[in-house]
PDB file of N, CA and C in Angstrom:
ATOM      1  N   MET A   1       8.272  -7.632 -10.607  1.00  0.00           N
ATOM      2  CA  MET A   1       6.850  -7.503 -10.816  1.00  0.00           C
ATOM      3  C   MET A   1       6.270  -6.409  -9.905  1.00  0.00           C
ATOM      4  N   ILE A   2       6.657  -6.407  -8.639  1.00  0.00           N
ATOM      5  CA  ILE A   2       6.119  -5.413  -7.711  1.00  0.00           C
ATOM      6  C   ILE A   2       6.519  -4.004  -8.137  1.00  0.00           C
ATOM      7  N   GLY A   3       7.745  -3.854  -8.590  1.00  0.00           N
ATOM      8  CA  GLY A   3       8.201  -2.548  -9.064  1.00  0.00           C
ATOM      9  C   GLY A   3       7.356  -2.046 -10.224  1.00  0.00           C
ATOM     10  N   ARG A   4       7.016  -2.930 -11.118  1.00  0.00           N
ATOM     11  CA  ARG A   4       6.183  -2.562 -12.271  1.00  0.00           C
ATOM     12  C   ARG A   4       4.782  -2.142 -11.821  1.00  0.00           C
ATOM     13  N   VAL A   5       4.198  -2.870 -10.891  1.00  0.00           N
ATOM     14  CA  VAL A   5       2.873  -2.529 -10.368  1.00  0.00           C
ATOM     15  C   VAL A   5       2.905  -1.154  -9.695  1.00  0.00           C
ATOM     16  N   LYS A   6       3.936  -0.898  -8.906  1.00  0.00           N
ATOM     17  CA  LYS A   6       4.057   0.402  -8.234  1.00  0.00           C
ATOM     18  C   LYS A   6       4.197   1.530  -9.254  1.00  0.00           C
ATOM     19  N   LYS A   7       4.989   1.308 -10.286  1.00  0.00           N
ATOM     20  CA  LYS A   7       5.199   2.330 -11.311  1.00  0.00           C
ATOM     21  C   LYS A   7       3.908   2.632 -12.065  1.00  0.00           C
ATOM     22  N   VAL A   8       3.255   1.594 -12.566  1.00  0.00           N
ATOM     23  CA  VAL A   8       2.041   1.787 -13.358  1.00  0.00           C
ATOM     24  C   VAL A   8       0.939   2.439 -12.518  1.00  0.00           C
ATOM     25  N   SER A   9       0.742   1.959 -11.303  1.00  0.00           N
ATOM     26  CA  SER A   9      -0.329   2.517 -10.469  1.00  0.00           C
ATOM     27  C   SER A   9      -0.057   3.973 -10.114  1.00  0.00           C
ATOM     28  N   SER A  10       1.174   4.321  -9.792  1.00  0.00           N
ATOM     29  CA  SER A  10       1.466   5.714  -9.444  1.00  0.00           C
ATOM     30  C   SER A  10       1.307   6.643 -10.649  1.00  0.00           C
ATOM     31  N   HIS A  11       1.625   6.150 -11.837  1.00  0.00           N
ATOM     32  CA  HIS A  11       1.443   6.974 -13.038  1.00  0.00           C
ATOM     33  C   HIS A  11      -0.042   7.203 -13.335  1.00  0.00           C
ATOM     34  N   ARG A  12      -0.856   6.208 -13.064  1.00  0.00           N
ATOM     35  CA  ARG A  12      -2.292   6.332 -13.357  1.00  0.00           C
ATOM     36  C   ARG A  12      -3.013   7.290 -12.408  1.00  0.00           C
ATOM     37  N   ILE A  13      -2.513   7.465 -11.207  1.00  0.00           N
ATOM     38  CA  ILE A  13      -3.184   8.361 -10.249  1.00  0.00           C
ATOM     39  C   ILE A  13      -2.459   9.692 -10.100  1.00  0.00           C
ATOM     40  N   ARG A  14      -1.476   9.924 -10.926  1.00  0.00           N
ATOM     41  CA  ARG A  14      -0.630  11.113 -10.810  1.00  0.00           C
ATOM     42  C   ARG A  14      -1.428  12.419 -10.787  1.00  0.00           C
ATOM     43  N   ASP A  15      -2.455  12.547 -11.615  1.00  0.00           N
ATOM     44  CA  ASP A  15      -3.240  13.780 -11.669  1.00  0.00           C
ATOM     45  C   ASP A  15      -4.066  13.991 -10.406  1.00  0.00           C
ATOM     46  N   GLN A  16      -4.576  12.917  -9.821  1.00  0.00           N
ATOM     47  CA  GLN A  16      -5.419  13.018  -8.635  1.00  0.00           C
ATOM     48  C   GLN A  16      -4.608  13.070  -7.336  1.00  0.00           C
ATOM     49  N   LEU A  17      -3.443  12.463  -7.320  1.00  0.00           N
ATOM     50  CA  LEU A  17      -2.637  12.380  -6.116  1.00  0.00           C
ATOM     51  C   LEU A  17      -1.175  12.618  -6.478  1.00  0.00           C
ATOM     52  N   PRO A  18      -0.795  13.899  -6.656  1.00  0.00           N
ATOM     53  CA  PRO A  18       0.581  14.200  -7.055  1.00  0.00           C
ATOM     54  C   PRO A  18       1.570  13.928  -5.918  1.00  0.00           C
ATOM     55  N   GLY A  19       2.813  13.770  -6.275  1.00  0.00           N
ATOM     56  CA  GLY A  19       3.857  13.522  -5.285  1.00  0.00           C
ATOM     57  C   GLY A  19       4.143  12.042  -5.145  1.00  0.00           C
ATOM     58  N   GLN A  20       4.946  11.729  -4.149  1.00  0.00           N
ATOM     59  CA  GLN A  20       5.348  10.342  -3.934  1.00  0.00           C
ATOM     60  C   GLN A  20       4.196   9.538  -3.345  1.00  0.00           C
ATOM     61  N   VAL A  21       3.930   8.400  -3.933  1.00  0.00           N
ATOM     62  CA  VAL A  21       2.836   7.541  -3.488  1.00  0.00           C
ATOM     63  C   VAL A  21       3.377   6.343  -2.709  1.00  0.00           C
ATOM     64  N   TRP A  22       4.460   5.757  -3.185  1.00  0.00           N
ATOM     65  CA  TRP A  22       5.012   4.551  -2.585  1.00  0.00           C
ATOM     66  C   TRP A  22       6.283   4.861  -1.816  1.00  0.00           C
ATOM     67  N   ALA A  23       6.486   4.173  -0.713  1.00  0.00           N
ATOM     68  CA  ALA A  23       7.749   4.265   0.017  1.00  0.00           C
ATOM     69  C   ALA A  23       8.799   3.462  -0.745  1.00  0.00           C
ATOM     70  N   GLY A  24      10.044   3.783  -0.523  1.00  0.00           N
ATOM     71  CA  GLY A  24      11.122   3.051  -1.171  1.00  0.00           C
ATOM     72  C   GLY A  24      11.234   1.637  -0.636  1.00  0.00           C
ATOM     73  N   GLY A  25      11.695   0.744  -1.467  1.00  0.00           N
ATOM     74  CA  GLY A  25      11.892  -0.635  -1.048  1.00  0.00           C
ATOM     75  C   GLY A  25      10.591  -1.422  -1.019  1.00  0.00           C
ATOM     76  N   CYS A  26      10.721  -2.652  -0.648  1.00  0.00           N
ATOM     77  CA  CYS A  26       9.548  -3.516  -0.620  1.00  0.00           C
ATOM     78  C   CYS A  26       9.848  -4.709   0.273  1.00  0.00           C
ATOM     79  N   LYS A  27       8.907  -5.041   1.111  1.00  0.00           N
ATOM     80  CA  LYS A  27       9.051  -6.224   1.957  1.00  0.00           C
ATOM     81  C   LYS A  27       7.722  -6.977   1.935  1.00  0.00           C
ATOM     82  N   PRO A  28       7.491  -7.789   0.920  1.00  0.00           N
ATOM     83  CA  PRO A  28       6.238  -8.540   0.848  1.00  0.00           C
ATOM     84  C   PRO A  28       6.093  -9.484   2.044  1.00  0.00           C
ATOM     85  N   VAL A  29       4.881  -9.549   2.559  1.00  0.00           N
ATOM     86  CA  VAL A  29       4.597 -10.415   3.700  1.00  0.00           C
ATOM     87  C   VAL A  29       3.392 -11.285   3.353  1.00  0.00           C
ATOM     88  N   LEU A  30       3.508 -12.574   3.547  1.00  0.00           N
ATOM     89  CA  LEU A  30       2.396 -13.477   3.344  1.00  0.00           C
ATOM     90  C   LEU A  30       1.456 -13.363   4.546  1.00  0.00           C
ATOM     91  N   VAL A  31       0.212 -13.010   4.303  1.00  0.00           N
ATOM     92  CA  VAL A  31      -0.772 -12.884   5.372  1.00  0.00           C
ATOM     93  C   VAL A  31      -1.294 -14.279   5.694  1.00  0.00           C
ATOM     94  N   ARG A  32      -1.148 -14.672   6.966  1.00  0.00           N
ATOM     95  CA  ARG A  32      -1.453 -16.038   7.385  1.00  0.00           C
ATOM     96  C   ARG A  32      -2.941 -16.303   7.592  1.00  0.00           C
ATOM     97  N   ASP A  33      -3.658 -15.305   8.150  1.00  0.00           N
ATOM     98  CA  ASP A  33      -5.066 -15.527   8.484  1.00  0.00           C
ATOM     99  C   ASP A  33      -5.763 -14.176   8.677  1.00  0.00           C
ATOM    100  N   ASP A  34      -7.037 -14.202   9.035  1.00  0.00           N
ATOM    101  CA  ASP A  34      -7.812 -12.962   9.190  1.00  0.00           C
ATOM    102  C   ASP A  34      -7.262 -12.066  10.296  1.00  0.00           C
ATOM    103  N   GLU A  35      -6.808 -12.663  11.381  1.00  0.00           N
ATOM    104  CA  GLU A  35      -6.244 -11.869  12.485  1.00  0.00           C
ATOM    105  C   GLU A  35      -4.972 -11.165  12.031  1.00  0.00           C
ATOM    106  N   HIS A  36      -4.139 -11.869  11.296  1.00  0.00           N
ATOM    107  CA  HIS A  36      -2.914 -11.264  10.772  1.00  0.00           C
ATOM    108  C   HIS A  36      -3.260 -10.114   9.825  1.00  0.00           C
ATOM    109  N   TRP A  37      -4.254 -10.327   8.951  1.00  0.00           N
ATOM    110  CA  TRP A  37      -4.689  -9.287   8.020  1.00  0.00           C
ATOM    111  C   TRP A  37      -5.145  -8.035   8.773  1.00  0.00           C
ATOM    112  N   ALA A  38      -5.918  -8.210   9.845  1.00  0.00           N
ATOM    113  CA  ALA A  38      -6.380  -7.076  10.652  1.00  0.00           C
ATOM    114  C   ALA A  38      -5.193  -6.335  11.261  1.00  0.00           C
ATOM    115  N   ASN A  39      -4.192  -7.061  11.709  1.00  0.00           N
ATOM    116  CA  ASN A  39      -2.990  -6.430  12.273  1.00  0.00           C
ATOM    117  C   ASN A  39      -2.186  -5.679  11.218  1.00  0.00           C
ATOM    118  N   VAL A  40      -2.112  -6.227  10.017  1.00  0.00           N
ATOM    119  CA  VAL A  40      -1.411  -5.547   8.924  1.00  0.00           C
ATOM    120  C   VAL A  40      -2.105  -4.218   8.605  1.00  0.00           C
ATOM    121  N   LEU A  41      -3.436  -4.235   8.491  1.00  0.00           N
ATOM    122  CA  LEU A  41      -4.179  -3.005   8.216  1.00  0.00           C
ATOM    123  C   LEU A  41      -3.972  -1.975   9.321  1.00  0.00           C
ATOM    124  N   LYS A  42      -4.021  -2.414  10.568  1.00  0.00           N
ATOM    125  CA  LYS A  42      -3.816  -1.514  11.705  1.00  0.00           C
ATOM    126  C   LYS A  42      -2.410  -0.894  11.653  1.00  0.00           C
ATOM    127  N   TYR A  43      -1.419  -1.703  11.343  1.00  0.00           N
ATOM    128  CA  TYR A  43      -0.040  -1.227  11.239  1.00  0.00           C
ATOM    129  C   TYR A  43       0.080  -0.127  10.181  1.00  0.00           C
ATOM    130  N   ILE A  44      -0.512  -0.364   9.018  1.00  0.00           N
ATOM    131  CA  ILE A  44      -0.443   0.619   7.934  1.00  0.00           C
ATOM    132  C   ILE A  44      -1.182   1.894   8.323  1.00  0.00           C
ATOM    133  N   ARG A  45      -2.383   1.759   8.877  1.00  0.00           N
ATOM    134  CA  ARG A  45      -3.184   2.928   9.249  1.00  0.00           C
ATOM    135  C   ARG A  45      -2.522   3.779  10.319  1.00  0.00           C
ATOM    136  N   ASN A  46      -1.702   3.182  11.162  1.00  0.00           N
ATOM    137  CA  ASN A  46      -1.043   3.919  12.245  1.00  0.00           C
ATOM    138  C   ASN A  46       0.175   4.702  11.781  1.00  0.00           C
ATOM    139  N   HIS A  47       0.571   4.569  10.527  1.00  0.00           N
ATOM    140  CA  HIS A  47       1.724   5.301  10.015  1.00  0.00           C
ATOM    141  C   HIS A  47       1.275   6.586   9.344  1.00  0.00           C
ATOM    142  N   LYS A  48       2.013   7.635   9.596  1.00  0.00           N
ATOM    143  CA  LYS A  48       1.703   8.947   9.040  1.00  0.00           C
ATOM    144  C   LYS A  48       1.690   8.882   7.511  1.00  0.00           C
ATOM    145  N   ASN A  49       0.689   9.523   6.937  1.00  0.00           N
ATOM    146  CA  ASN A  49       0.550   9.626   5.487  1.00  0.00           C
ATOM    147  C   ASN A  49       0.357   8.281   4.782  1.00  0.00           C
ATOM    148  N   ALA A  50      -0.109   7.290   5.512  1.00  0.00           N
ATOM    149  CA  ALA A  50      -0.388   5.995   4.896  1.00  0.00           C
ATOM    150  C   ALA A  50      -1.888   5.755   4.904  1.00  0.00           C
ATOM    151  N   TRP A  51      -2.366   5.028   3.897  1.00  0.00           N
ATOM    152  CA  TRP A  51      -3.786   4.713   3.854  1.00  0.00           C
ATOM    153  C   TRP A  51      -3.985   3.376   3.172  1.00  0.00           C
ATOM    154  N   VAL A  52      -5.141   2.815   3.433  1.00  0.00           N
ATOM    155  CA  VAL A  52      -5.492   1.513   2.860  1.00  0.00           C
ATOM    156  C   VAL A  52      -6.887   1.634   2.272  1.00  0.00           C
ATOM    157  N   TRP A  53      -7.051   1.126   1.063  1.00  0.00           N
ATOM    158  CA  TRP A  53      -8.364   1.114   0.438  1.00  0.00           C
ATOM    159  C   TRP A  53      -8.940  -0.275   0.620  1.00  0.00           C
ATOM    160  N   CYS A  54     -10.017  -0.354   1.362  1.00  0.00           N
ATOM    161  CA  CYS A  54     -10.678  -1.646   1.594  1.00  0.00           C
ATOM    162  C   CYS A  54     -12.010  -1.634   0.878  1.00  0.00           C
ATOM    163  N   GLU A  55     -12.189  -2.551  -0.021  1.00  0.00           N
ATOM    164  CA  GLU A  55     -13.422  -2.643  -0.781  1.00  0.00           C
ATOM    165  C   GLU A  55     -14.235  -3.796  -0.208  1.00  0.00           C
ATOM    166  N   LYS A  56     -15.493  -3.529   0.109  1.00  0.00           N
ATOM    167  CA  LYS A  56     -16.339  -4.572   0.695  1.00  0.00           C
ATOM    168  C   LYS A  56     -17.367  -5.055  -0.297  1.00  0.00           C
TER     169      LYS A  56
END
C-alpha cells in the first residue's frame, strides 16, 4: 500500500517537482503522542533536501 501511495503521489507532482521525491525503502513508525510527533517533524526537517507539509 505504501509503495502505491508513493508512486501515485510522485507521478502527480512530477511537473512541479521533477526528480526523485521519495527515499528508497520504508520504515513506518507509529506516532505515540504529540511530543513524539514534534520529534518526528524535527528529525525530518533536519535532513538535507527533506520537507514536511503541515496543514493547520
